[in-house]
N, C-alpha and C. Protein backbone atom coordinates (compact mmCIF):
# COMPACT_ATOMS: atom_id res chain seq x y z
N MET A 1 17.75 11.90 12.75
CA MET A 1 18.43 10.50 11.76
C MET A 1 18.92 9.66 12.57
N THR A 2 19.10 8.89 12.03
CA THR A 2 19.73 7.02 12.72
C THR A 2 21.07 7.26 13.28
N ARG A 3 21.82 6.21 13.38
CA ARG A 3 23.18 6.28 13.62
C ARG A 3 23.74 6.63 11.95
N LYS A 4 24.90 7.42 12.12
CA LYS A 4 25.69 7.66 11.03
C LYS A 4 26.22 6.64 10.71
N PRO A 5 26.47 6.62 9.22
CA PRO A 5 27.69 5.60 8.57
C PRO A 5 28.77 4.98 9.17
N HIS A 6 29.72 5.99 9.72
CA HIS A 6 30.82 5.06 10.39
C HIS A 6 30.43 4.63 11.58
N GLU A 7 29.12 5.15 12.36
CA GLU A 7 28.94 5.03 13.70
C GLU A 7 28.83 3.39 13.32
N THR A 8 27.77 3.20 12.80
CA THR A 8 26.98 2.19 12.37
C THR A 8 28.26 0.77 11.80
N ARG A 9 29.28 1.29 11.03
CA ARG A 9 30.02 0.35 10.73
C ARG A 9 30.90 0.16 11.62
N LEU A 10 31.32 0.78 12.87
CA LEU A 10 32.05 0.55 14.14
C LEU A 10 31.48 -0.49 15.06
N TYR A 11 30.28 -0.11 14.76
CA TYR A 11 29.32 -1.10 15.96
C TYR A 11 29.36 -2.15 15.48
N ARG A 12 28.92 -2.59 14.15
CA ARG A 12 29.30 -3.84 13.79
C ARG A 12 30.66 -4.27 13.73
N GLN A 13 31.23 -3.94 13.29
CA GLN A 13 32.78 -4.11 13.50
C GLN A 13 32.78 -4.97 14.93
N GLU A 14 33.04 -4.18 15.72
CA GLU A 14 32.89 -4.19 17.04
C GLU A 14 32.35 -5.46 17.87
N MET A 15 30.98 -5.28 17.47
CA MET A 15 30.33 -6.73 17.87
C MET A 15 30.75 -8.16 17.11
N ASN A 16 31.02 -8.06 15.76
CA ASN A 16 31.31 -9.02 15.10
C ASN A 16 32.40 -9.52 15.54
N GLU A 17 33.56 -8.97 16.05
CA GLU A 17 34.73 -9.36 16.64
C GLU A 17 34.63 -10.05 17.76
N ARG A 18 33.80 -9.48 18.65
CA ARG A 18 33.44 -10.00 19.84
C ARG A 18 32.53 -11.22 19.65
N ILE A 19 31.89 -11.40 18.91
CA ILE A 19 30.85 -12.78 18.26
C ILE A 19 31.82 -13.57 17.84
N LEU A 20 33.02 -13.13 17.31
CA LEU A 20 33.77 -14.61 16.28
C LEU A 20 35.05 -14.76 17.14
N ASN A 21 35.21 -13.58 18.58
CA ASN A 21 36.28 -14.00 19.16
C ASN A 21 35.59 -14.69 20.67
N SER A 22 34.46 -15.23 20.60
CA SER A 22 33.81 -15.98 21.60
C SER A 22 34.46 -17.26 21.67
N GLY A 23 34.92 -17.58 20.71
CA GLY A 23 35.35 -19.30 20.36
C GLY A 23 34.05 -20.14 20.08
N PHE A 24 32.82 -19.99 19.81
CA PHE A 24 31.83 -20.80 19.63
C PHE A 24 31.76 -20.84 18.14
N LYS A 25 32.25 -22.11 17.64
CA LYS A 25 32.45 -22.60 16.76
C LYS A 25 31.27 -22.17 15.33
N PRO A 26 29.81 -22.87 15.95
CA PRO A 26 28.93 -22.20 15.35
C PRO A 26 28.52 -21.05 14.57
N PHE A 27 29.10 -20.02 15.23
CA PHE A 27 29.16 -18.58 14.84
C PHE A 27 29.83 -18.49 14.04
N GLN A 28 31.53 -18.82 14.27
CA GLN A 28 32.29 -18.99 13.42
C GLN A 28 32.22 -19.64 11.89
N ARG A 29 31.38 -20.58 11.63
CA ARG A 29 31.08 -21.18 10.68
C ARG A 29 30.09 -20.58 9.67
N PHE A 30 29.12 -20.00 10.72
CA PHE A 30 28.18 -19.30 9.86
C PHE A 30 28.27 -18.10 9.09
N PHE A 31 29.29 -17.28 10.13
CA PHE A 31 29.85 -16.19 9.28
C PHE A 31 30.79 -16.19 8.28
N ALA A 32 31.53 -17.49 8.27
CA ALA A 32 32.26 -17.68 7.17
C ALA A 32 31.31 -18.33 5.65
N LEU A 33 30.62 -18.88 6.22
CA LEU A 33 29.35 -19.12 4.75
C LEU A 33 28.72 -18.09 4.48
N ASP A 34 28.16 -16.96 5.32
CA ASP A 34 27.79 -15.58 4.84
C ASP A 34 28.60 -14.79 4.04
N ALA A 35 29.77 -14.73 4.38
CA ALA A 35 30.93 -13.89 3.70
C ALA A 35 31.15 -14.64 2.58
N SER A 36 31.27 -15.93 2.48
CA SER A 36 31.75 -16.90 1.46
C SER A 36 30.62 -16.48 0.05
N ALA A 37 29.29 -16.58 0.85
CA ALA A 37 27.92 -16.39 -0.39
C ALA A 37 28.50 -14.90 -1.20
N TYR A 38 29.05 -13.85 -0.76
CA TYR A 38 29.00 -12.76 -1.28
C TYR A 38 30.62 -12.70 -2.08
N THR A 39 31.12 -13.57 -2.27
CA THR A 39 32.58 -13.62 -3.13
C THR A 39 32.29 -13.37 -4.64
N GLU A 40 32.99 -13.26 -5.54
CA GLU A 40 33.11 -13.04 -6.97
C GLU A 40 33.02 -14.27 -7.41
N GLY A 41 32.08 -14.47 -8.14
CA GLY A 41 31.68 -15.83 -8.73
C GLY A 41 31.17 -15.69 -10.22
N ALA A 42 30.18 -16.29 -10.61
CA ALA A 42 29.58 -16.26 -11.74
C ALA A 42 28.81 -14.87 -11.79
N ILE A 43 27.99 -14.59 -10.67
CA ILE A 43 27.65 -13.50 -10.59
C ILE A 43 28.25 -12.25 -10.11
N PRO A 44 28.52 -11.31 -10.55
CA PRO A 44 29.59 -10.09 -9.67
C PRO A 44 29.30 -9.92 -8.25
N VAL A 45 29.99 -9.52 -7.42
CA VAL A 45 30.31 -8.98 -6.18
C VAL A 45 28.94 -7.74 -6.14
N LYS A 46 28.76 -7.06 -7.03
CA LYS A 46 27.88 -5.92 -6.90
C LYS A 46 26.30 -6.24 -6.87
N TYR A 47 26.26 -7.41 -7.80
CA TYR A 47 24.67 -7.84 -8.14
C TYR A 47 24.52 -8.75 -6.69
N LYS A 48 25.49 -9.57 -6.16
CA LYS A 48 25.03 -9.97 -5.05
C LYS A 48 24.73 -9.19 -3.94
N GLU A 49 25.48 -8.19 -3.76
CA GLU A 49 25.13 -7.47 -2.81
C GLU A 49 23.52 -6.66 -2.94
N MET A 50 23.50 -6.20 -4.22
CA MET A 50 22.04 -5.64 -4.22
C MET A 50 20.99 -6.82 -4.02
N MET A 51 21.30 -8.07 -4.40
CA MET A 51 20.22 -9.15 -4.21
C MET A 51 20.25 -9.35 -2.44
N GLY A 52 21.54 -9.00 -1.83
CA GLY A 52 21.36 -8.91 -0.03
C GLY A 52 20.22 -7.92 0.30
N LEU A 53 20.60 -6.95 -0.25
CA LEU A 53 19.88 -5.54 -0.03
C LEU A 53 18.09 -5.72 -0.26
N VAL A 54 17.97 -6.52 -1.61
CA VAL A 54 16.47 -6.92 -1.80
C VAL A 54 15.86 -7.69 -0.42
N GLY A 55 16.80 -8.75 -0.21
CA GLY A 55 16.58 -9.67 0.44
C GLY A 55 15.97 -8.96 1.71
N SER A 56 17.17 -8.39 2.57
CA SER A 56 17.07 -7.43 3.51
C SER A 56 15.90 -6.71 3.75
N MET A 57 15.35 -6.02 2.70
CA MET A 57 14.17 -5.21 2.68
C MET A 57 12.95 -5.81 3.00
N VAL A 58 13.04 -6.77 2.08
CA VAL A 58 11.80 -8.02 2.60
C VAL A 58 11.45 -8.49 3.52
N LEU A 59 12.64 -8.94 4.47
CA LEU A 59 12.89 -9.34 5.43
C LEU A 59 12.80 -8.41 6.80
N ARG A 60 12.72 -7.09 6.36
CA ARG A 60 12.51 -5.85 7.25
C ARG A 60 13.74 -5.58 8.29
N CYS A 61 15.34 -5.87 7.68
CA CYS A 61 16.42 -5.80 8.85
C CYS A 61 17.08 -4.92 8.44
N ASN A 62 16.75 -3.87 9.40
CA ASN A 62 17.23 -2.20 9.05
C ASN A 62 19.20 -2.38 9.02
N ASP A 63 19.52 -3.25 9.98
CA ASP A 63 20.75 -3.33 10.10
C ASP A 63 21.62 -4.28 8.76
N CYS A 64 20.93 -5.26 8.45
CA CYS A 64 21.35 -5.81 7.19
C CYS A 64 21.21 -4.77 5.84
N ILE A 65 20.10 -3.92 5.78
CA ILE A 65 19.65 -2.90 4.58
C ILE A 65 21.01 -2.10 4.69
N PHE A 66 21.41 -1.38 5.49
CA PHE A 66 22.79 -0.81 5.78
C PHE A 66 23.77 -1.52 5.38
N TYR A 67 23.85 -2.69 5.67
CA TYR A 67 25.22 -3.43 5.39
C TYR A 67 25.29 -3.65 3.73
N HIS A 68 24.54 -3.79 3.42
CA HIS A 68 24.34 -4.24 2.15
C HIS A 68 24.46 -3.09 1.18
N LEU A 69 23.75 -1.98 1.44
CA LEU A 69 23.61 -0.49 0.55
C LEU A 69 25.35 -0.14 0.71
N ASP A 70 26.17 -0.36 2.07
CA ASP A 70 27.39 0.14 2.00
C ASP A 70 27.96 -0.82 1.15
N ARG A 71 27.85 -1.91 1.24
CA ARG A 71 28.63 -2.63 0.07
C ARG A 71 28.26 -2.05 -1.31
N CYS A 72 27.13 -2.50 -1.96
CA CYS A 72 26.88 -1.68 -2.96
C CYS A 72 27.30 -0.41 -3.19
N VAL A 73 27.40 0.58 -2.53
CA VAL A 73 28.33 1.85 -2.89
C VAL A 73 29.62 1.42 -2.83
N GLN A 74 30.20 0.53 -2.19
CA GLN A 74 31.70 0.19 -2.51
C GLN A 74 32.04 -0.50 -3.42
N GLU A 75 31.12 -1.16 -4.03
CA GLU A 75 31.09 -1.97 -5.38
C GLU A 75 30.95 -1.40 -6.50
N GLY A 76 30.44 -0.03 -6.44
CA GLY A 76 30.21 1.07 -7.63
C GLY A 76 28.64 0.81 -7.95
N ALA A 77 27.56 0.36 -6.96
CA ALA A 77 26.11 0.65 -7.60
C ALA A 77 25.87 2.07 -7.91
N THR A 78 25.28 2.47 -8.69
CA THR A 78 24.72 3.93 -8.87
C THR A 78 23.30 3.97 -7.94
N ARG A 79 23.01 5.20 -8.24
CA ARG A 79 21.71 5.76 -7.29
C ARG A 79 20.61 4.87 -8.09
N GLU A 80 20.65 4.51 -9.29
CA GLU A 80 19.66 4.12 -10.42
C GLU A 80 19.59 2.84 -10.10
N GLU A 81 21.01 2.05 -10.12
CA GLU A 81 20.72 0.47 -9.74
C GLU A 81 19.96 0.43 -8.62
N LEU A 82 20.41 1.56 -6.94
CA LEU A 82 19.91 1.02 -6.09
C LEU A 82 18.50 1.19 -6.13
N HIS A 83 18.01 2.38 -6.87
CA HIS A 83 16.41 2.65 -6.78
C HIS A 83 16.00 1.02 -7.72
N GLU A 84 15.99 0.87 -8.18
CA GLU A 84 15.58 -0.44 -9.36
C GLU A 84 15.72 -1.79 -7.98
N ALA A 85 16.66 -1.88 -7.57
CA ALA A 85 16.70 -3.16 -6.75
C ALA A 85 15.57 -2.74 -5.57
N MET A 86 15.64 -1.29 -4.97
CA MET A 86 14.70 -0.97 -3.93
C MET A 86 13.22 -1.55 -4.24
N ASN A 87 13.01 -0.99 -5.65
CA ASN A 87 11.74 -1.35 -6.06
C ASN A 87 11.17 -2.69 -6.36
N ILE A 88 12.44 -3.53 -6.51
CA ILE A 88 11.76 -5.00 -6.49
C ILE A 88 11.50 -5.28 -5.08
N ALA A 89 12.43 -4.90 -4.34
CA ALA A 89 11.91 -5.14 -2.73
C ALA A 89 10.54 -4.81 -2.86
N LEU A 90 10.16 -3.86 -2.84
CA LEU A 90 8.83 -3.00 -2.39
C LEU A 90 7.59 -4.01 -3.26
N ILE A 91 8.16 -4.24 -4.54
CA ILE A 91 7.01 -5.18 -5.19
C ILE A 91 6.90 -6.26 -4.53
N ILE A 92 7.95 -7.00 -4.20
CA ILE A 92 7.87 -8.25 -3.49
C ILE A 92 7.25 -8.11 -2.20
N GLY A 93 7.62 -7.36 -1.04
CA GLY A 93 7.47 -7.33 -0.11
C GLY A 93 6.19 -6.58 0.15
N GLY A 94 5.60 -5.71 -0.72
CA GLY A 94 4.39 -5.30 -0.30
C GLY A 94 4.56 -3.84 0.38
N SER A 95 3.83 -3.26 0.68
CA SER A 95 3.59 -1.59 1.63
C SER A 95 4.28 -2.06 2.92
N ILE A 96 4.09 -3.37 3.53
CA ILE A 96 4.80 -3.21 4.55
C ILE A 96 6.41 -3.13 4.60
N VAL A 97 7.10 -2.77 3.40
CA VAL A 97 8.41 -2.43 3.29
C VAL A 97 8.72 -1.42 3.08
N ILE A 98 7.36 -0.11 3.01
CA ILE A 98 7.45 0.90 3.03
C ILE A 98 8.78 2.09 4.09
N PRO A 99 8.30 1.46 5.17
CA PRO A 99 9.54 1.82 6.17
C PRO A 99 10.74 1.71 6.55
N HIS A 100 10.99 0.30 5.44
CA HIS A 100 12.25 0.26 5.47
C HIS A 100 12.78 0.87 4.32
N LEU A 101 12.14 1.24 3.15
CA LEU A 101 12.53 1.57 2.02
C LEU A 101 12.65 3.33 2.39
N ARG A 102 12.24 3.44 3.56
CA ARG A 102 12.48 5.41 3.91
C ARG A 102 13.82 4.85 4.42
N TYR A 103 14.15 4.09 5.57
CA TYR A 103 15.45 3.93 6.24
C TYR A 103 16.28 3.73 4.66
N ALA A 104 16.14 2.77 4.07
CA ALA A 104 17.54 2.18 2.96
C ALA A 104 17.41 3.73 2.13
N TYR A 105 16.74 4.62 2.05
CA TYR A 105 16.60 5.87 1.02
C TYR A 105 17.74 6.85 1.99
N GLU A 106 17.44 6.92 2.81
CA GLU A 106 17.95 8.17 4.12
C GLU A 106 19.75 7.63 4.09
N MET A 107 19.42 5.96 4.46
CA MET A 107 21.13 5.57 4.36
C MET A 107 21.94 5.60 3.06
N MET A 108 21.38 5.56 1.77
CA MET A 108 21.73 5.40 0.80
C MET A 108 22.42 6.64 0.15
N GLU A 109 21.30 7.92 0.83
CA GLU A 109 21.77 9.18 0.44
C GLU A 109 23.09 9.90 1.41
N ALA A 110 23.11 9.06 2.60
CA ALA A 110 23.94 9.29 3.53
C ALA A 110 25.65 8.70 2.86
N LEU A 111 25.10 7.34 2.37
CA LEU A 111 26.56 6.95 2.06
C LEU A 111 27.03 7.52 0.93
N PHE A 112 26.23 8.00 0.02
CA PHE A 112 26.60 8.60 -1.27
C PHE A 112 27.54 10.04 -0.84
N ALA A 113 26.76 10.67 0.16
CA ALA A 113 27.33 11.90 0.69
C ALA A 113 28.51 11.93 1.26
N GLU A 114 28.70 10.60 1.89
CA GLU A 114 29.94 10.44 2.51
C GLU A 114 31.08 10.13 1.60
N GLN A 115 30.60 9.35 0.81
CA GLN A 115 31.79 8.71 -0.76
C GLN A 115 32.31 10.18 -1.53
N ALA A 116 31.01 11.10 -1.56
CA ALA A 116 31.64 12.49 -2.34
C ALA A 116 32.20 13.24 -1.33
N GLN A 117 32.32 13.39 -0.29
CA GLN A 117 33.20 14.11 0.73
C GLN A 117 34.41 13.45 0.88
N ARG A 118 34.52 11.85 0.83
CA ARG A 118 36.05 11.43 0.90
C ARG A 118 36.57 11.81 -0.78
N ASN A 119 36.16 11.96 -1.84
CA ASN A 119 36.41 11.97 -3.04
C ASN A 119 37.05 13.53 -3.24
N ALA A 120 36.02 14.18 -2.45
CA ALA A 120 36.34 16.05 -2.52
C ALA A 120 37.79 15.98 -1.69
N GLU A 121 37.76 15.45 -0.73
CA GLU A 121 39.26 15.37 0.39
C GLU A 121 40.47 14.81 -0.25
N ALA A 122 40.11 13.85 -1.24
CA ALA A 122 41.36 13.15 -2.00
C ALA A 122 41.77 14.14 -3.11
N ALA A 123 40.48 14.39 -3.83
CA ALA A 123 41.00 15.49 -5.11
C ALA A 123 41.65 16.69 -4.07
N SER A 124 41.51 17.16 -2.96
CA SER A 124 42.33 18.33 -2.55
C SER A 124 43.25 18.07 -2.26
N THR A 125 43.80 16.89 -1.64
CA THR A 125 45.18 16.45 -1.14
C THR A 125 46.07 16.26 -2.34
N GLU A 126 45.30 16.12 -3.57
CA GLU A 126 46.41 15.73 -4.64
C GLU A 126 46.95 17.12 -5.19
N GLU A 127 48.62 16.78 -5.65
CA GLU A 127 49.45 17.49 -5.95
C GLU A 127 48.77 18.57 -7.19
N PRO A 128 48.68 19.79 -7.43
CA PRO A 128 48.43 20.37 -8.76
C PRO A 128 48.93 19.74 -9.62
N SER A 129 48.10 19.92 -10.84
CA SER A 129 49.04 19.53 -12.29
C SER A 129 50.02 20.87 -12.33
N GLN A 130 51.30 20.08 -12.85
CA GLN A 130 52.16 21.22 -13.63
C GLN A 130 52.34 21.34 -15.28
N THR A 131 52.11 22.50 -15.33
CA THR A 131 51.83 22.94 -16.35
C THR A 131 53.10 23.80 -16.86
N SER A 132 53.29 23.44 -18.13
CA SER A 132 54.58 24.09 -18.83
C SER A 132 54.81 25.37 -19.32
N LEU A 133 55.79 26.01 -19.02
CA LEU A 133 55.63 27.28 -19.72
C LEU A 133 56.25 27.45 -21.08
């Protein structure tokens, strides 16, 4: 398996901070433009992230695929929605997208497993419900 979700997030965060703290204005401007494109607007964030996923798959960028998958899951995308988005990427990009579909599917499963684990941990730390006698 490739890098785990938390390792990938950490690497991305650390490198982005190094790049943005370089003081090079064109980097900062591009990152700001990229971030603003995915904010809430006429199109909900979840759908913008799914569009980013499709574009990333067609352009064959695994780092981008992970980022947009992670955001899609955070925004509440279901497996079925992600399957359909991945299918659009496959239709647009053709068979050359298949290796990136494999990666996307592996990461999607890891992200949903991570989410399920967090939910289970949160449920186990909640106080048991009080019943009246």
